[in-house]
Structures are given as structure tokens and as C-alpha cells.
Amino acid sequence: MNMVYKDETLYVDIFSGEEIDNINHIKRQMFSVLNEYEMNNVVINIIGGNYNKSLINDLIYDYHKNYKGNMIIDIK
């Protein structure tokens, strides 16, 4: 996983396979950054095409439960 802050947006690259199955670790890291820097825009790039839709839906739900910003999921 890579995270980059640019142009008032947090970009999170998640590589399919092992990392996508560790969504709780990804959420903790992402939410920690969001809490500290109060960003309103998040773009999650899922790289590799294979992902668990249920886990991504959980991530989206938890994000919107805790934050009022915008989240975009981009599958590559």
C-alpha cells in the first residue's frame, strides 16, 4: 500500500492480493492520516483488478460513518 497527499487529496494505492485482504490495517493507517491532517478527499486506487467487493464496501461504509468528505474508488 502507498499513500500520498497531493492537491488536498489523499491517494491510497492498494495492490490486489495480499493487501486487499488486510483491509483493517489499511483502514487504520488511512484513518490515522485523515484524523491528523483533516483531509476531505480520498482516492483509493485498487491496482491489479482482483479485490473483494464486500471488503471495499466495508471500507466505504466506515469512511462515510466517520468522515464527511468525498471518496473515489478507482479500479485499475
N, C-alpha and C. Protein backbone atom coordinates (compact mmCIF):
# COMPACT_ATOMS: atom_id res chain seq x y z
N MET A 1 0.84 -1.17 0.00
CA MET A 1 0.00 0.00 0.00
C MET A 1 0.89 1.24 0.00
N ASN A 2 0.50 2.21 -0.79
CA ASN A 2 1.16 3.51 -0.82
C ASN A 2 0.14 4.59 -0.51
N MET A 3 0.55 5.62 0.25
CA MET A 3 -0.31 6.77 0.48
C MET A 3 0.46 8.03 0.14
N VAL A 4 -0.22 8.93 -0.60
CA VAL A 4 0.40 10.19 -0.99
C VAL A 4 -0.65 11.28 -0.83
N TYR A 5 -0.23 12.41 -0.26
CA TYR A 5 -1.10 13.58 -0.15
C TYR A 5 -0.68 14.58 -1.21
N LYS A 6 -1.63 14.96 -2.07
CA LYS A 6 -1.34 15.90 -3.14
C LYS A 6 -2.62 16.64 -3.51
N ASP A 7 -2.52 17.95 -3.69
CA ASP A 7 -3.66 18.77 -4.12
C ASP A 7 -4.89 18.57 -3.23
N GLU A 8 -4.67 18.59 -1.90
CA GLU A 8 -5.74 18.46 -0.91
C GLU A 8 -6.50 17.14 -1.00
N THR A 9 -5.84 16.11 -1.52
CA THR A 9 -6.44 14.78 -1.65
C THR A 9 -5.45 13.73 -1.17
N LEU A 10 -5.96 12.74 -0.44
CA LEU A 10 -5.15 11.60 -0.03
C LEU A 10 -5.36 10.49 -1.05
N TYR A 11 -4.28 10.09 -1.69
CA TYR A 11 -4.31 9.00 -2.66
C TYR A 11 -3.78 7.75 -1.99
N VAL A 12 -4.55 6.67 -2.06
CA VAL A 12 -4.16 5.40 -1.45
C VAL A 12 -4.14 4.35 -2.55
N ASP A 13 -2.96 3.78 -2.79
CA ASP A 13 -2.82 2.70 -3.76
C ASP A 13 -2.84 1.38 -3.01
N ILE A 14 -3.79 0.53 -3.37
CA ILE A 14 -3.90 -0.80 -2.77
C ILE A 14 -3.65 -1.81 -3.88
N PHE A 15 -2.69 -2.67 -3.67
CA PHE A 15 -2.36 -3.69 -4.66
C PHE A 15 -3.17 -4.95 -4.37
N SER A 16 -3.83 -5.47 -5.40
CA SER A 16 -4.70 -6.63 -5.20
C SER A 16 -3.90 -7.81 -4.65
N GLY A 17 -4.61 -8.73 -4.07
CA GLY A 17 -3.94 -9.90 -3.50
C GLY A 17 -3.87 -9.78 -2.00
N GLU A 18 -2.67 -9.86 -1.47
CA GLU A 18 -2.48 -9.89 -0.02
C GLU A 18 -2.99 -8.64 0.67
N GLU A 19 -2.69 -7.46 0.14
CA GLU A 19 -3.06 -6.23 0.84
C GLU A 19 -4.57 -6.03 0.92
N ILE A 20 -5.29 -6.37 -0.12
CA ILE A 20 -6.72 -6.14 -0.11
C ILE A 20 -7.40 -6.97 0.98
N ASP A 21 -6.80 -8.12 1.32
CA ASP A 21 -7.36 -8.95 2.38
C ASP A 21 -7.05 -8.40 3.77
N ASN A 22 -6.14 -7.47 3.88
CA ASN A 22 -5.78 -6.86 5.16
C ASN A 22 -6.39 -5.47 5.26
N ILE A 23 -7.67 -5.36 4.95
CA ILE A 23 -8.35 -4.08 4.87
C ILE A 23 -8.37 -3.36 6.21
N ASN A 24 -8.40 -4.07 7.31
CA ASN A 24 -8.41 -3.41 8.63
C ASN A 24 -7.12 -2.64 8.87
N HIS A 25 -6.01 -3.19 8.47
CA HIS A 25 -4.72 -2.50 8.59
C HIS A 25 -4.71 -1.24 7.71
N ILE A 26 -5.22 -1.39 6.51
CA ILE A 26 -5.31 -0.26 5.58
C ILE A 26 -6.19 0.84 6.16
N LYS A 27 -7.33 0.46 6.71
CA LYS A 27 -8.25 1.45 7.31
C LYS A 27 -7.58 2.18 8.47
N ARG A 28 -6.90 1.45 9.34
CA ARG A 28 -6.24 2.09 10.49
C ARG A 28 -5.23 3.13 10.02
N GLN A 29 -4.42 2.78 9.05
CA GLN A 29 -3.42 3.72 8.56
C GLN A 29 -4.08 4.92 7.89
N MET A 30 -5.05 4.67 7.04
CA MET A 30 -5.71 5.75 6.31
C MET A 30 -6.46 6.67 7.27
N PHE A 31 -7.21 6.10 8.22
CA PHE A 31 -7.97 6.92 9.15
C PHE A 31 -7.05 7.70 10.08
N SER A 32 -5.91 7.14 10.43
CA SER A 32 -4.94 7.86 11.25
C SER A 32 -4.46 9.12 10.54
N VAL A 33 -4.15 9.00 9.26
CA VAL A 33 -3.71 10.16 8.47
C VAL A 33 -4.86 11.17 8.35
N LEU A 34 -6.06 10.68 8.09
CA LEU A 34 -7.22 11.58 7.94
C LEU A 34 -7.51 12.32 9.23
N ASN A 35 -7.37 11.66 10.36
CA ASN A 35 -7.61 12.31 11.65
C ASN A 35 -6.57 13.39 11.94
N GLU A 36 -5.35 13.12 11.58
CA GLU A 36 -4.29 14.06 11.89
C GLU A 36 -4.31 15.29 10.99
N TYR A 37 -4.62 15.10 9.72
CA TYR A 37 -4.49 16.20 8.76
C TYR A 37 -5.83 16.74 8.24
N GLU A 38 -6.94 16.16 8.67
CA GLU A 38 -8.28 16.64 8.34
C GLU A 38 -8.48 16.87 6.84
N MET A 39 -8.23 15.86 6.06
CA MET A 39 -8.44 15.92 4.60
C MET A 39 -9.87 15.53 4.27
N ASN A 40 -10.41 16.12 3.22
CA ASN A 40 -11.79 15.85 2.84
C ASN A 40 -11.93 14.99 1.60
N ASN A 41 -10.85 14.73 0.90
CA ASN A 41 -10.93 13.96 -0.34
C ASN A 41 -9.98 12.78 -0.28
N VAL A 42 -10.50 11.60 -0.66
CA VAL A 42 -9.71 10.39 -0.69
C VAL A 42 -9.96 9.68 -2.01
N VAL A 43 -8.88 9.27 -2.66
CA VAL A 43 -8.96 8.46 -3.87
C VAL A 43 -8.25 7.15 -3.58
N ILE A 44 -8.97 6.04 -3.70
CA ILE A 44 -8.39 4.73 -3.49
C ILE A 44 -8.23 4.06 -4.85
N ASN A 45 -7.00 3.77 -5.20
CA ASN A 45 -6.69 3.07 -6.44
C ASN A 45 -6.45 1.61 -6.11
N ILE A 46 -7.29 0.74 -6.66
CA ILE A 46 -7.09 -0.70 -6.49
C ILE A 46 -6.37 -1.18 -7.73
N ILE A 47 -5.13 -1.59 -7.56
CA ILE A 47 -4.27 -1.93 -8.69
C ILE A 47 -4.17 -3.45 -8.79
N GLY A 48 -4.52 -3.96 -9.94
CA GLY A 48 -4.42 -5.40 -10.18
C GLY A 48 -5.76 -6.03 -10.50
N GLY A 49 -6.84 -5.33 -10.24
CA GLY A 49 -8.16 -5.78 -10.64
C GLY A 49 -8.84 -6.80 -9.75
N ASN A 50 -8.10 -7.61 -9.00
CA ASN A 50 -8.72 -8.61 -8.13
C ASN A 50 -8.94 -8.00 -6.76
N TYR A 51 -10.19 -8.00 -6.31
CA TYR A 51 -10.47 -7.45 -4.99
C TYR A 51 -11.76 -8.06 -4.47
N ASN A 52 -11.94 -7.97 -3.17
CA ASN A 52 -13.14 -8.46 -2.50
C ASN A 52 -14.10 -7.29 -2.36
N LYS A 53 -15.19 -7.33 -3.11
CA LYS A 53 -16.15 -6.22 -3.13
C LYS A 53 -16.73 -5.95 -1.74
N SER A 54 -16.95 -6.98 -0.98
CA SER A 54 -17.50 -6.82 0.37
C SER A 54 -16.55 -6.04 1.27
N LEU A 55 -15.25 -6.33 1.17
CA LEU A 55 -14.26 -5.61 1.98
C LEU A 55 -14.18 -4.15 1.58
N ILE A 56 -14.25 -3.87 0.30
CA ILE A 56 -14.22 -2.48 -0.17
C ILE A 56 -15.48 -1.75 0.28
N ASN A 57 -16.64 -2.42 0.21
CA ASN A 57 -17.88 -1.80 0.70
C ASN A 57 -17.79 -1.48 2.18
N ASP A 58 -17.16 -2.36 2.96
CA ASP A 58 -16.96 -2.08 4.40
C ASP A 58 -16.09 -0.85 4.60
N LEU A 59 -15.04 -0.74 3.80
CA LEU A 59 -14.15 0.42 3.87
C LEU A 59 -14.92 1.70 3.56
N ILE A 60 -15.72 1.68 2.51
CA ILE A 60 -16.52 2.85 2.13
C ILE A 60 -17.50 3.20 3.24
N TYR A 61 -18.18 2.21 3.79
CA TYR A 61 -19.15 2.44 4.86
C TYR A 61 -18.48 3.06 6.08
N ASP A 62 -17.35 2.50 6.49
CA ASP A 62 -16.64 3.03 7.67
C ASP A 62 -16.14 4.44 7.42
N TYR A 63 -15.69 4.72 6.21
CA TYR A 63 -15.23 6.07 5.89
C TYR A 63 -16.39 7.07 6.04
N HIS A 64 -17.53 6.77 5.43
CA HIS A 64 -18.65 7.70 5.48
C HIS A 64 -19.29 7.78 6.86
N LYS A 65 -19.11 6.75 7.66
CA LYS A 65 -19.61 6.78 9.05
C LYS A 65 -18.79 7.76 9.89
N ASN A 66 -17.50 7.89 9.57
CA ASN A 66 -16.59 8.69 10.39
C ASN A 66 -16.21 10.04 9.79
N TYR A 67 -16.38 10.21 8.48
CA TYR A 67 -15.91 11.42 7.81
C TYR A 67 -16.98 11.94 6.85
N LYS A 68 -16.93 13.23 6.60
CA LYS A 68 -17.91 13.87 5.72
C LYS A 68 -17.36 14.15 4.32
N GLY A 69 -16.16 13.71 4.04
CA GLY A 69 -15.51 14.02 2.77
C GLY A 69 -15.98 13.15 1.62
N ASN A 70 -15.24 13.25 0.53
CA ASN A 70 -15.53 12.50 -0.69
C ASN A 70 -14.53 11.37 -0.84
N MET A 71 -15.05 10.21 -1.26
CA MET A 71 -14.18 9.07 -1.51
C MET A 71 -14.45 8.54 -2.92
N ILE A 72 -13.38 8.31 -3.66
CA ILE A 72 -13.49 7.74 -5.00
C ILE A 72 -12.71 6.44 -5.00
N ILE A 73 -13.31 5.38 -5.54
CA ILE A 73 -12.64 4.10 -5.70
C ILE A 73 -12.35 3.94 -7.19
N ASP A 74 -11.10 3.76 -7.53
CA ASP A 74 -10.68 3.61 -8.93
C ASP A 74 -10.01 2.25 -9.07
N ILE A 75 -10.62 1.38 -9.86
CA ILE A 75 -10.09 0.03 -10.06
C ILE A 75 -9.30 0.01 -11.35
N LYS A 76 -8.03 -0.37 -11.24
CA LYS A 76 -7.15 -0.36 -12.41
C LYS A 76 -6.69 -1.74 -12.77
